[in-house]
Amino acid sequence: MKKVNKIYVFFIAAFIVFMCNACDERENYDSDLPSSLNIINAMKIGETSATIDNLSGVINVVLPANTSLQGLKLDIASPKGVTTSPANGTIVDLSNPLELKTNFNGKIRNFIINAKVLPNQIAFINEASSIEGIADDDIKAIAKWAQSTYSNDFIYIPFNELTIQSLAHVNVLLFYYDQEGSSALPQAILNKKNVITQFVVEGGKMLTGGMANTMIAEIGRDKSGLLTIKSNGSGGVNNDIWSIDGGVNFQNDQRNSPVFNFTTIISTDLNGYFPVINGGFKEDHNTMWDLGPLLAAGHQLGQFAEFQRLYGGKVLATWSGVTDEAVAGIIEFAPTSVYAGTIIGIGFGGMEWSMNDNRTNVYDANIKGIYRNSIDYLKTK
């Protein structure tokens, strides 16, 4: 066997270590320099962040409803030494795709900026031919509230006129349903299930209230099978204050959600709950999710995280006073690879829109606030 010169081996090893360190230093030195794939770090158009695909050279931005595509300011973040044309801070017209040219040390890269404005309409749907023809007092009350609140952006669509064409300019679809004696949705809206499915699949947003939560499962978005707390009785006098818990629990506190973004109205009580109805006659109408099976199955993540993991739904509020916190009454279903639109379902029976005994519900503003916050949040998604 040949003898190996130990001194020679030592110098070879030392040289390899030196070269590796030099490579690391060189890589670190170059890491902040722009390449063809990181020439644009970030971009805002107006107040909206754009999505940048450096590989394809395409920049997309979805702007809020009613935004004018003219007179928009570019806010471009690029590595040092990169220049752009149009330059950072330029006021541009994005009515048509805009070419953005970048330059670094004489290397040119072109991007295309595409802008889309969200549709503006808030649509309320019901079986009646007009709002005045709605039979249920709660449904009529919320329809009139939505019409007053969203004014020129509001439209009313009877079930028999619901088509994908009638929803072409709709941003958020509001569907609230309530009745006594049955929690089933009318066949007239079930016949339009494919229309609503397509609307949400293509990115339309939806807010369901009361018994309308069933539609989330009907269109296939809620596959949990846990929407089982349903009641449709006549109700009676109850002098308690009913509340919902937006805190959910210490690990899943959702009180900072945009849904609970209250300013001037009554928000939480001393326990951190959102009161929704005062003492008096109350309808016995609920359409809520029972997360008990997730507790019973012993899931380590807890019922809220497990529901979100399995079904893509974030629990925003539970019915207060239920010690195991397993009754979910507000859930946000996030977009999936199939359904591009977001859905929020609100199913608390105490969130009534019309008092049967004609009293004033001192917590009425909380109900309207939660619904308006939900719609305004969905409008931006």
Foldseek 3Di string as FASTA:
>chain_A
DDDDDPVVVVVVVVVVVVVVVVVVVVCVVCVLPDDQQQFWPWKDKANWTWDAGSVVQEIETEAFAPDAQFQIAIATDGGPQKAKVVGHGDGGRQPDWDWMWIDHPRDIDIHTYHYHYAFQAEEEEEQDPDLVRDDDPQSSLVLVVVCVVSPPRYDYDYLVRQALVVCVRHQEYEYEDAAADDLDDDVSNLVCLVRVLVCQQVAHEYEYEFSRVVSCVSSPQFPPPQQPPWHRHAFFFDQAFWWKAQCLDVVQRQCVPLLQPDDPADGADPVRTQTAFGGTTFTPGFGWGFLVVVVVVVDPVASQVVCCVVRVKHQRIAGPPPVSSGTGAWIWRDADPRGNYIYIYGTDRSNGSQDPVRDDGSSVVSSVSSVVSVVVVSSVD
